[in-house]
Amino acid sequence: MRLLLALLPLFAIAAEPKPIRVLVWDEQQPQQSVGYGDKFLGETLAGELAKNKDLAVKTARLADAEQGLSDAALDQADVLVFWCHRKVKEQDDARVEAVVRRVQAGKLNLIALHSAHWAKPFVRLMQERSKDDALKQLSTEERAAAKWVFVNEAPYYKGVKNGAPLTPNVKRDGNTYTLTLPQCVFPGYRADAKPGHMTTVSANHPIAGGLPAKWDIPQTEMYNEPFHVPAPDAVVFEERWDKGEYFRSGMTWQVGAGKVFYYRPGHETYPIYKQAENIKVVENAVRWSVMR
């Protein structure tokens, strides 16, 4: 009996689940002070996430050694939450590929926020998903003979017009397949601080847990469809504006063995991540990403 009583604390420790390790990466634009005061957007969001006992949260930034994405930092994270805007081309390709490899291997998951639609890790993972999707359309015989040409490998800061061919897309000439990789952008945006009207369209999805069917974001930037990304596995949230624009504002993809979630709200000068619903979305996405 004494031995059993002595072992009970050890059983309790063993039964306690390990916290989800979250790394919040932020470019840290000075303009964020408009919406977040003396803290940066990433620091503010990390502080909110850290209020949850099941999350162990750290922050990183572009100015850190190895841009905050060293092998050690990535190996100590289960989920990478990523915000960037103006300095995408400064993101180190080697560190980006380290992220991509880990996501594909199921060792890391990515949550991309707002203007991170052009973040190199997000774009690269959308490219890899596009390649996987294209291969799935071919028979075994066609795959064996196929020669691939990839177009649009660096789409950063290149816009698209309304009516432009959607990307990704594939054209075939004999056994040669030309895959135009996703542009990861959309034809219209407007930063006029008008409200966005969010709708939960997949109420049973884990990312939608505890969120209302509808809510408003008082000040936000508008993005307008079509969003040039591979077909998602799930659309969790949609967003509309009073002038009629529409966007799939919360989407998920499986890439290899890892998971990717894109959430549209998060403009640097509006306090998006001081609003409870938006914080809850990211919390839920973190937990969803490690579900297997």
C-alpha atoms as a PDB file:
ATOM      1  CA  MET A   1       0.000   0.000   0.000  1.00  0.00           C
ATOM      2  CA  ARG A   2       2.811   2.406   0.909  1.00  0.00           C
ATOM      3  CA  LEU A   3       4.499   1.661  -2.402  1.00  0.00           C
ATOM      4  CA  LEU A   4       1.266   2.363  -4.282  1.00  0.00           C
ATOM      5  CA  LEU A   5       0.782   5.665  -2.485  1.00  0.00           C
ATOM      6  CA  ALA A   6       4.361   6.627  -3.268  1.00  0.00           C
ATOM      7  CA  LEU A   7       3.851   5.868  -6.955  1.00  0.00           C
ATOM      8  CA  LEU A   8       0.560   7.763  -7.351  1.00  0.00           C
ATOM      9  CA  PRO A   9       2.256  11.161  -8.023  1.00  0.00           C
ATOM     10  CA  LEU A  10       4.350   9.496 -10.725  1.00  0.00           C
ATOM     11  CA  PHE A  11       1.234   8.043 -12.352  1.00  0.00           C
ATOM     12  CA  ALA A  12      -0.356  11.493 -12.306  1.00  0.00           C
ATOM     13  CA  ILE A  13       2.689  13.030 -14.006  1.00  0.00           C
ATOM     14  CA  ALA A  14       2.767  10.301 -16.628  1.00  0.00           C
ATOM     15  CA  ALA A  15      -0.962  10.731 -17.356  1.00  0.00           C
ATOM     16  CA  GLU A  16      -0.733  14.513 -17.748  1.00  0.00           C
ATOM     17  CA  PRO A  17      -0.584  15.346 -21.478  1.00  0.00           C
ATOM     18  CA  LYS A  18       2.353  17.326 -22.765  1.00  0.00           C
ATOM     19  CA  PRO A  19       1.529  20.895 -23.795  1.00  0.00           C
ATOM     20  CA  ILE A  20       1.329  21.748 -27.493  1.00  0.00           C
ATOM     21  CA  ARG A  21       4.477  23.663 -28.411  1.00  0.00           C
ATOM     22  CA  VAL A  22       3.613  26.802 -30.382  1.00  0.00           C
ATOM     23  CA  LEU A  23       6.084  29.115 -32.114  1.00  0.00           C
ATOM     24  CA  VAL A  24       4.564  32.477 -33.118  1.00  0.00           C
ATOM     25  CA  TRP A  25       6.656  34.088 -35.870  1.00  0.00           C
ATOM     26  CA  ASP A  26       6.189  37.771 -36.674  1.00  0.00           C
ATOM     27  CA  GLU A  27       7.958  40.023 -39.163  1.00  0.00           C
ATOM     28  CA  GLN A  28       7.297  42.826 -36.639  1.00  0.00           C
ATOM     29  CA  GLN A  29       6.303  45.715 -38.847  1.00  0.00           C
ATOM     30  CA  PRO A  30       6.505  49.106 -37.094  1.00  0.00           C
ATOM     31  CA  GLN A  31       2.981  49.858 -38.371  1.00  0.00           C
ATOM     32  CA  GLN A  32       1.656  47.256 -35.936  1.00  0.00           C
ATOM     33  CA  SER A  33       1.929  49.861 -33.188  1.00  0.00           C
ATOM     34  CA  VAL A  34      -1.247  51.461 -34.565  1.00  0.00           C
ATOM     35  CA  GLY A  35      -3.304  48.412 -33.648  1.00  0.00           C
ATOM     36  CA  TYR A  36      -1.218  46.914 -30.840  1.00  0.00           C
ATOM     37  CA  GLY A  37       0.522  49.772 -29.025  1.00  0.00           C
ATOM     38  CA  ASP A  38       3.874  48.961 -27.446  1.00  0.00           C
ATOM     39  CA  LYS A  39       3.638  45.251 -28.330  1.00  0.00           C
ATOM     40  CA  PHE A  40       3.853  43.676 -31.748  1.00  0.00           C
ATOM     41  CA  LEU A  41       1.015  41.644 -33.246  1.00  0.00           C
ATOM     42  CA  GLY A  42       2.841  38.363 -32.720  1.00  0.00           C
ATOM     43  CA  GLU A  43       3.664  39.189 -29.106  1.00  0.00           C
ATOM     44  CA  THR A  44       0.039  40.105 -28.443  1.00  0.00           C
ATOM     45  CA  LEU A  45      -1.284  36.906 -30.002  1.00  0.00           C
ATOM     46  CA  ALA A  46       1.339  34.798 -28.222  1.00  0.00           C
ATOM     47  CA  GLY A  47       0.318  36.338 -24.901  1.00  0.00           C
ATOM     48  CA  GLU A  48      -3.312  35.400 -25.507  1.00  0.00           C
ATOM     49  CA  LEU A  49      -2.433  31.843 -26.543  1.00  0.00           C
ATOM     50  CA  ALA A  50      -0.193  31.428 -23.491  1.00  0.00           C
ATOM     51  CA  LYS A  51      -3.226  31.879 -21.228  1.00  0.00           C
ATOM     52  CA  ASN A  52      -4.123  28.295 -22.140  1.00  0.00           C
ATOM     53  CA  LYS A  53      -2.401  25.742 -19.900  1.00  0.00           C
ATOM     54  CA  ASP A  54      -2.237  23.186 -22.721  1.00  0.00           C
ATOM     55  CA  LEU A  55      -0.154  25.522 -24.912  1.00  0.00           C
ATOM     56  CA  ALA A  56       3.562  26.273 -24.441  1.00  0.00           C
ATOM     57  CA  VAL A  57       4.157  29.416 -26.475  1.00  0.00           C
ATOM     58  CA  LYS A  58       7.340  31.061 -27.725  1.00  0.00           C
ATOM     59  CA  THR A  59       7.886  33.952 -30.121  1.00  0.00           C
ATOM     60  CA  ALA A  60      10.317  34.520 -32.980  1.00  0.00           C
ATOM     61  CA  ARG A  61      10.989  37.278 -35.493  1.00  0.00           C
ATOM     62  CA  LEU A  62      12.788  38.027 -38.715  1.00  0.00           C
ATOM     63  CA  ALA A  63      15.612  39.850 -36.882  1.00  0.00           C
ATOM     64  CA  ASP A  64      16.485  36.831 -34.717  1.00  0.00           C
ATOM     65  CA  ALA A  65      19.474  34.598 -35.422  1.00  0.00           C
ATOM     66  CA  GLU A  66      18.607  32.267 -38.303  1.00  0.00           C
ATOM     67  CA  GLN A  67      15.420  34.360 -38.557  1.00  0.00           C
ATOM     68  CA  GLY A  68      14.051  32.576 -35.498  1.00  0.00           C
ATOM     69  CA  LEU A  69      13.678  29.365 -37.507  1.00  0.00           C
ATOM     70  CA  SER A  70      16.786  27.427 -36.528  1.00  0.00           C
ATOM     71  CA  ASP A  71      16.672  23.647 -36.575  1.00  0.00           C
ATOM     72  CA  ALA A  72      16.575  23.686 -32.785  1.00  0.00           C
ATOM     73  CA  ALA A  73      13.646  26.145 -32.693  1.00  0.00           C
ATOM     74  CA  LEU A  74      11.676  24.164 -35.265  1.00  0.00           C
ATOM     75  CA  ASP A  75      12.389  20.842 -33.557  1.00  0.00           C
ATOM     76  CA  GLN A  76      10.980  22.305 -30.343  1.00  0.00           C
ATOM     77  CA  ALA A  77       7.693  23.328 -31.989  1.00  0.00           C
ATOM     78  CA  ASP A  78       4.579  21.401 -32.960  1.00  0.00           C
ATOM     79  CA  VAL A  79       2.900  24.363 -34.641  1.00  0.00           C
ATOM     80  CA  LEU A  80       4.303  27.435 -36.385  1.00  0.00           C
ATOM     81  CA  VAL A  81       1.978  30.466 -36.442  1.00  0.00           C
ATOM     82  CA  PHE A  82       3.243  32.850 -39.120  1.00  0.00           C
ATOM     83  CA  TRP A  83       2.598  36.552 -39.824  1.00  0.00           C
ATOM     84  CA  CYS A  84       4.476  38.604 -42.415  1.00  0.00           C
ATOM     85  CA  HIS A  85       3.889  41.321 -44.971  1.00  0.00           C
ATOM     86  CA  ARG A  86       6.532  43.621 -46.467  1.00  0.00           C
ATOM     87  CA  LYS A  87       9.705  41.557 -46.097  1.00  0.00           C
ATOM     88  CA  VAL A  88       8.730  38.258 -47.676  1.00  0.00           C
ATOM     89  CA  LYS A  89      11.689  38.235 -50.054  1.00  0.00           C
ATOM     90  CA  GLU A  90      14.042  38.542 -47.076  1.00  0.00           C
ATOM     91  CA  GLN A  91      12.891  35.189 -45.712  1.00  0.00           C
ATOM     92  CA  ASP A  92      15.821  32.795 -45.982  1.00  0.00           C
ATOM     93  CA  ASP A  93      15.128  29.983 -48.445  1.00  0.00           C
ATOM     94  CA  ALA A  94      17.112  27.434 -46.458  1.00  0.00           C
ATOM     95  CA  ARG A  95      15.107  28.108 -43.302  1.00  0.00           C
ATOM     96  CA  VAL A  96      11.886  28.036 -45.339  1.00  0.00           C
ATOM     97  CA  GLU A  97      12.757  24.604 -46.731  1.00  0.00           C
ATOM     98  CA  ALA A  98      13.481  23.421 -43.197  1.00  0.00           C
ATOM     99  CA  VAL A  99       9.887  24.348 -42.327  1.00  0.00           C
ATOM    100  CA  VAL A 100       8.492  22.694 -45.469  1.00  0.00           C
ATOM    101  CA  ARG A 101      10.352  19.415 -44.873  1.00  0.00           C
ATOM    102  CA  ARG A 102       9.107  19.200 -41.303  1.00  0.00           C
ATOM    103  CA  VAL A 103       5.501  19.865 -42.284  1.00  0.00           C
ATOM    104  CA  GLN A 104       5.617  17.251 -45.031  1.00  0.00           C
ATOM    105  CA  ALA A 105       7.062  14.764 -42.545  1.00  0.00           C
ATOM    106  CA  GLY A 106       4.332  15.476 -39.989  1.00  0.00           C
ATOM    107  CA  LYS A 107       6.788  16.955 -37.484  1.00  0.00           C
ATOM    108  CA  LEU A 108       5.407  20.501 -37.712  1.00  0.00           C
ATOM    109  CA  ASN A 109       2.179  22.234 -38.760  1.00  0.00           C
ATOM    110  CA  LEU A 110       1.660  25.728 -40.178  1.00  0.00           C
ATOM    111  CA  ILE A 111      -0.939  28.405 -39.444  1.00  0.00           C
ATOM    112  CA  ALA A 112      -0.605  31.324 -41.867  1.00  0.00           C
ATOM    113  CA  LEU A 113      -2.265  34.618 -40.946  1.00  0.00           C
ATOM    114  CA  HIS A 114      -3.528  37.367 -43.259  1.00  0.00           C
ATOM    115  CA  SER A 115      -0.743  38.661 -45.539  1.00  0.00           C
ATOM    116  CA  ALA A 116       1.181  35.450 -44.918  1.00  0.00           C
ATOM    117  CA  HIS A 117      -0.659  34.242 -48.030  1.00  0.00           C
ATOM    118  CA  TRP A 118       2.647  35.266 -49.660  1.00  0.00           C
ATOM    119  CA  ALA A 119       4.861  33.949 -46.852  1.00  0.00           C
ATOM    120  CA  LYS A 120       7.460  31.659 -48.369  1.00  0.00           C
ATOM    121  CA  PRO A 121       6.578  28.684 -46.125  1.00  0.00           C
ATOM    122  CA  PHE A 122       2.883  28.958 -47.054  1.00  0.00           C
ATOM    123  CA  VAL A 123       3.566  29.404 -50.773  1.00  0.00           C
ATOM    124  CA  ARG A 124       5.997  26.488 -50.840  1.00  0.00           C
ATOM    125  CA  LEU A 125       3.537  24.220 -49.061  1.00  0.00           C
ATOM    126  CA  MET A 126       0.764  25.249 -51.459  1.00  0.00           C
ATOM    127  CA  GLN A 127       3.138  24.410 -54.320  1.00  0.00           C
ATOM    128  CA  GLU A 128       3.828  20.980 -52.873  1.00  0.00           C
ATOM    129  CA  ARG A 129       0.119  20.355 -52.356  1.00  0.00           C
ATOM    130  CA  SER A 130      -0.505  21.407 -55.971  1.00  0.00           C
ATOM    131  CA  LYS A 131       2.080  18.904 -57.173  1.00  0.00           C
ATOM    132  CA  ASP A 132       0.469  16.155 -55.095  1.00  0.00           C
ATOM    133  CA  ASP A 133      -2.988  17.036 -56.446  1.00  0.00           C
ATOM    134  CA  ALA A 134      -1.730  17.034 -60.036  1.00  0.00           C
ATOM    135  CA  LEU A 135      -0.156  13.599 -59.631  1.00  0.00           C
ATOM    136  CA  LYS A 136      -3.380  12.174 -58.228  1.00  0.00           C
ATOM    137  CA  GLN A 137      -5.141  13.028 -61.487  1.00  0.00           C
ATOM    138  CA  LEU A 138      -2.880  10.683 -63.468  1.00  0.00           C
ATOM    139  CA  SER A 139      -3.067   6.936 -63.867  1.00  0.00           C
ATOM    140  CA  THR A 140      -0.131   4.764 -62.832  1.00  0.00           C
ATOM    141  CA  GLU A 141       0.921   4.457 -66.486  1.00  0.00           C
ATOM    142  CA  GLU A 142       0.696   8.219 -67.059  1.00  0.00           C
ATOM    143  CA  ARG A 143       2.768   8.931 -63.951  1.00  0.00           C
ATOM    144  CA  ALA A 144       5.525   6.601 -65.103  1.00  0.00           C
ATOM    145  CA  ALA A 145       5.868   8.422 -68.447  1.00  0.00           C
ATOM    146  CA  ALA A 146       5.177  11.970 -67.248  1.00  0.00           C
ATOM    147  CA  LYS A 147       7.681  14.802 -67.609  1.00  0.00           C
ATOM    148  CA  TRP A 148       6.906  17.829 -65.447  1.00  0.00           C
ATOM    149  CA  VAL A 149       7.539  21.517 -66.060  1.00  0.00           C
ATOM    150  CA  PHE A 150       6.805  23.880 -63.156  1.00  0.00           C
ATOM    151  CA  VAL A 151       5.920  27.529 -63.852  1.00  0.00           C
ATOM    152  CA  ASN A 152       5.507  30.435 -61.416  1.00  0.00           C
ATOM    153  CA  GLU A 153       7.915  29.257 -58.736  1.00  0.00           C
ATOM    154  CA  ALA A 154       8.344  32.766 -57.222  1.00  0.00           C
ATOM    155  CA  PRO A 155       4.926  34.493 -57.237  1.00  0.00           C
ATOM    156  CA  TYR A 156       5.683  36.976 -54.436  1.00  0.00           C
ATOM    157  CA  TYR A 157       4.186  40.467 -54.911  1.00  0.00           C
ATOM    158  CA  LYS A 158       2.840  39.614 -58.370  1.00  0.00           C
ATOM    159  CA  GLY A 159      -0.854  40.406 -58.510  1.00  0.00           C
ATOM    160  CA  VAL A 160      -3.637  38.832 -60.548  1.00  0.00           C
ATOM    161  CA  LYS A 161      -6.515  40.427 -62.400  1.00  0.00           C
ATOM    162  CA  ASN A 162     -10.162  39.480 -62.334  1.00  0.00           C
ATOM    163  CA  GLY A 163     -10.772  36.811 -64.936  1.00  0.00           C
ATOM    164  CA  ALA A 164      -7.166  35.615 -65.029  1.00  0.00           C
ATOM    165  CA  PRO A 165      -6.792  31.815 -65.319  1.00  0.00           C
ATOM    166  CA  LEU A 166      -6.978  30.265 -61.890  1.00  0.00           C
ATOM    167  CA  THR A 167      -3.816  28.793 -60.447  1.00  0.00           C
ATOM    168  CA  PRO A 168      -2.746  26.107 -59.930  1.00  0.00           C
ATOM    169  CA  ASN A 169      -3.568  24.621 -63.318  1.00  0.00           C
ATOM    170  CA  VAL A 170      -2.111  21.888 -65.540  1.00  0.00           C
ATOM    171  CA  LYS A 171      -1.677  21.713 -69.317  1.00  0.00           C
ATOM    172  CA  ARG A 172      -0.683  18.544 -71.129  1.00  0.00           C
ATOM    173  CA  ASP A 173       1.299  18.149 -74.334  1.00  0.00           C
ATOM    174  CA  GLY A 174       1.883  14.451 -74.945  1.00  0.00           C
ATOM    175  CA  ASN A 175       3.764  13.171 -71.908  1.00  0.00           C
ATOM    176  CA  THR A 176       4.815  16.672 -70.829  1.00  0.00           C
ATOM    177  CA  TYR A 177       2.728  18.292 -68.112  1.00  0.00           C
ATOM    178  CA  THR A 178       3.119  22.000 -67.379  1.00  0.00           C
ATOM    179  CA  LEU A 179       1.930  22.832 -63.881  1.00  0.00           C
ATOM    180  CA  THR A 180       1.428  26.535 -63.232  1.00  0.00           C
ATOM    181  CA  LEU A 181       1.925  26.765 -59.492  1.00  0.00           C
ATOM    182  CA  PRO A 182      -0.500  28.747 -57.305  1.00  0.00           C
ATOM    183  CA  GLN A 183      -0.212  32.514 -57.264  1.00  0.00           C
ATOM    184  CA  CYS A 184      -1.363  32.565 -53.604  1.00  0.00           C
ATOM    185  CA  VAL A 185      -3.054  35.921 -54.085  1.00  0.00           C
ATOM    186  CA  PHE A 186      -6.399  37.405 -55.168  1.00  0.00           C
ATOM    187  CA  PRO A 187      -7.512  40.187 -57.543  1.00  0.00           C
ATOM    188  CA  GLY A 188      -8.841  42.723 -55.048  1.00  0.00           C
ATOM    189  CA  TYR A 189      -8.159  44.192 -51.612  1.00  0.00           C
ATOM    190  CA  ARG A 190      -9.159  47.333 -49.760  1.00  0.00           C
ATOM    191  CA  ALA A 191      -7.705  48.586 -46.471  1.00  0.00           C
ATOM    192  CA  ASP A 192     -10.504  50.971 -45.503  1.00  0.00           C
ATOM    193  CA  ALA A 193     -11.246  49.600 -41.999  1.00  0.00           C
ATOM    194  CA  LYS A 194     -14.787  48.570 -42.944  1.00  0.00           C
ATOM    195  CA  PRO A 195     -16.292  45.649 -40.998  1.00  0.00           C
ATOM    196  CA  GLY A 196     -16.028  42.065 -42.199  1.00  0.00           C
ATOM    197  CA  HIS A 197     -18.934  39.702 -41.556  1.00  0.00           C
ATOM    198  CA  MET A 198     -17.733  36.204 -40.664  1.00  0.00           C
ATOM    199  CA  THR A 199     -19.807  33.039 -41.093  1.00  0.00           C
ATOM    200  CA  THR A 200     -18.927  29.605 -39.747  1.00  0.00           C
ATOM    201  CA  VAL A 201     -19.668  27.266 -42.663  1.00  0.00           C
ATOM    202  CA  SER A 202     -18.277  24.049 -41.167  1.00  0.00           C
ATOM    203  CA  ALA A 203     -19.772  24.077 -37.688  1.00  0.00           C
ATOM    204  CA  ASN A 204     -18.605  20.543 -36.904  1.00  0.00           C
ATOM    205  CA  HIS A 205     -14.968  21.223 -37.755  1.00  0.00           C
ATOM    206  CA  PRO A 206     -12.665  21.347 -34.695  1.00  0.00           C
ATOM    207  CA  ILE A 207     -11.465  24.835 -35.659  1.00  0.00           C
ATOM    208  CA  ALA A 208     -15.067  26.075 -35.349  1.00  0.00           C
ATOM    209  CA  GLY A 209     -15.482  24.776 -31.796  1.00  0.00           C
ATOM    210  CA  GLY A 210     -17.000  27.332 -29.406  1.00  0.00           C
ATOM    211  CA  LEU A 211     -17.405  29.973 -32.118  1.00  0.00           C
ATOM    212  CA  PRO A 212     -20.717  31.577 -33.092  1.00  0.00           C
ATOM    213  CA  ALA A 213     -22.449  30.929 -36.408  1.00  0.00           C
ATOM    214  CA  LYS A 214     -21.779  34.569 -37.305  1.00  0.00           C
ATOM    215  CA  TRP A 215     -19.703  37.417 -35.937  1.00  0.00           C
ATOM    216  CA  ASP A 216     -18.385  40.750 -37.143  1.00  0.00           C
ATOM    217  CA  ILE A 217     -14.840  42.059 -37.204  1.00  0.00           C
ATOM    218  CA  PRO A 218     -15.337  45.828 -36.650  1.00  0.00           C
ATOM    219  CA  GLN A 219     -12.266  46.967 -38.612  1.00  0.00           C
ATOM    220  CA  THR A 220     -10.493  44.874 -41.210  1.00  0.00           C
ATOM    221  CA  GLU A 221      -8.964  44.830 -44.666  1.00  0.00           C
ATOM    222  CA  MET A 222     -10.989  43.355 -47.512  1.00  0.00           C
ATOM    223  CA  TYR A 223      -9.674  40.524 -49.705  1.00  0.00           C
ATOM    224  CA  ASN A 224     -11.812  39.488 -52.686  1.00  0.00           C
ATOM    225  CA  GLU A 225     -12.039  36.071 -54.352  1.00  0.00           C
ATOM    226  CA  PRO A 226     -10.867  34.182 -56.278  1.00  0.00           C
ATOM    227  CA  PHE A 227      -7.984  33.173 -54.022  1.00  0.00           C
ATOM    228  CA  HIS A 228      -5.405  31.361 -56.164  1.00  0.00           C
ATOM    229  CA  VAL A 229      -4.644  28.344 -53.979  1.00  0.00           C
ATOM    230  CA  PRO A 230      -5.206  24.594 -54.356  1.00  0.00           C
ATOM    231  CA  ALA A 231      -8.693  23.327 -53.541  1.00  0.00           C
ATOM    232  CA  PRO A 232      -8.818  23.125 -49.726  1.00  0.00           C
ATOM    233  CA  ASP A 233      -9.767  20.067 -47.721  1.00  0.00           C
ATOM    234  CA  ALA A 234     -12.178  22.216 -45.725  1.00  0.00           C
ATOM    235  CA  VAL A 235     -13.537  25.760 -45.764  1.00  0.00           C
ATOM    236  CA  VAL A 236     -14.290  26.560 -42.137  1.00  0.00           C
ATOM    237  CA  PHE A 237     -15.117  30.282 -42.362  1.00  0.00           C
ATOM    238  CA  GLU A 238     -16.367  32.636 -45.056  1.00  0.00           C
ATOM    239  CA  GLU A 239     -16.321  36.406 -44.920  1.00  0.00           C
ATOM    240  CA  ARG A 240     -18.378  39.085 -46.669  1.00  0.00           C
ATOM    241  CA  TRP A 241     -18.333  42.868 -46.842  1.00  0.00           C
ATOM    242  CA  ASP A 242     -21.122  45.410 -47.271  1.00  0.00           C
ATOM    243  CA  LYS A 243     -19.986  46.240 -50.823  1.00  0.00           C
ATOM    244  CA  GLY A 244     -20.560  42.617 -51.839  1.00  0.00           C
ATOM    245  CA  GLU A 245     -17.067  41.119 -51.747  1.00  0.00           C
ATOM    246  CA  TYR A 246     -16.545  37.565 -50.521  1.00  0.00           C
ATOM    247  CA  PHE A 247     -13.592  35.468 -49.307  1.00  0.00           C
ATOM    248  CA  ARG A 248     -12.950  31.959 -47.992  1.00  0.00           C
ATOM    249  CA  SER A 249     -11.366  33.264 -44.833  1.00  0.00           C
ATOM    250  CA  GLY A 250     -10.490  30.008 -43.077  1.00  0.00           C
ATOM    251  CA  MET A 251      -9.206  26.997 -45.056  1.00  0.00           C
ATOM    252  CA  THR A 252      -7.305  23.790 -44.321  1.00  0.00           C
ATOM    253  CA  TRP A 253      -4.985  21.516 -46.298  1.00  0.00           C
ATOM    254  CA  GLN A 254      -3.083  18.323 -45.635  1.00  0.00           C
ATOM    255  CA  VAL A 255       0.416  18.561 -47.118  1.00  0.00           C
ATOM    256  CA  GLY A 256       2.281  15.308 -46.840  1.00  0.00           C
ATOM    257  CA  ALA A 257       1.805  14.199 -43.238  1.00  0.00           C
ATOM    258  CA  GLY A 258       1.383  17.753 -41.915  1.00  0.00           C
ATOM    259  CA  LYS A 259      -1.444  20.274 -41.705  1.00  0.00           C
ATOM    260  CA  VAL A 260      -1.827  23.846 -42.927  1.00  0.00           C
ATOM    261  CA  PHE A 261      -4.497  26.392 -41.949  1.00  0.00           C
ATOM    262  CA  TYR A 262      -4.904  29.834 -43.501  1.00  0.00           C
ATOM    263  CA  TYR A 263      -6.869  32.528 -41.647  1.00  0.00           C
ATOM    264  CA  ARG A 264      -7.444  35.767 -43.531  1.00  0.00           C
ATOM    265  CA  PRO A 265      -8.045  38.424 -40.810  1.00  0.00           C
ATOM    266  CA  GLY A 266      -5.001  40.051 -39.236  1.00  0.00           C
ATOM    267  CA  HIS A 267      -4.138  43.407 -40.823  1.00  0.00           C
ATOM    268  CA  GLU A 268      -1.343  45.116 -38.920  1.00  0.00           C
ATOM    269  CA  THR A 269      -3.102  48.425 -38.140  1.00  0.00           C
ATOM    270  CA  TYR A 270      -6.381  46.949 -36.886  1.00  0.00           C
ATOM    271  CA  PRO A 271      -6.491  45.168 -33.484  1.00  0.00           C
ATOM    272  CA  ILE A 272      -7.719  41.868 -34.959  1.00  0.00           C
ATOM    273  CA  TYR A 273      -5.954  39.725 -32.359  1.00  0.00           C
ATOM    274  CA  LYS A 274      -7.435  41.603 -29.462  1.00  0.00           C
ATOM    275  CA  GLN A 275     -10.864  40.260 -30.467  1.00  0.00           C
ATOM    276  CA  ALA A 276     -11.947  37.101 -28.672  1.00  0.00           C
ATOM    277  CA  GLU A 277     -13.353  35.294 -31.717  1.00  0.00           C
ATOM    278  CA  ASN A 278     -10.167  35.672 -33.754  1.00  0.00           C
ATOM    279  CA  ILE A 279      -8.003  34.519 -30.864  1.00  0.00           C
ATOM    280  CA  LYS A 280     -10.289  31.517 -30.436  1.00  0.00           C
ATOM    281  CA  VAL A 281      -9.888  30.608 -34.106  1.00  0.00           C
ATOM    282  CA  VAL A 282      -6.101  30.445 -33.727  1.00  0.00           C
ATOM    283  CA  GLU A 283      -6.346  28.506 -30.435  1.00  0.00           C
ATOM    284  CA  ASN A 284      -8.624  25.965 -32.104  1.00  0.00           C
ATOM    285  CA  ALA A 285      -6.403  25.739 -35.172  1.00  0.00           C
ATOM    286  CA  VAL A 286      -3.371  25.012 -32.985  1.00  0.00           C
ATOM    287  CA  ARG A 287      -5.165  22.118 -31.289  1.00  0.00           C
ATOM    288  CA  TRP A 288      -6.649  20.822 -34.567  1.00  0.00           C
ATOM    289  CA  SER A 289      -3.236  20.803 -36.201  1.00  0.00           C
ATOM    290  CA  VAL A 290      -1.848  18.192 -33.802  1.00  0.00           C
ATOM    291  CA  MET A 291      -4.878  15.892 -34.008  1.00  0.00           C
ATOM    292  CA  ARG A 292      -4.032  12.621 -35.705  1.00  0.00           C
END
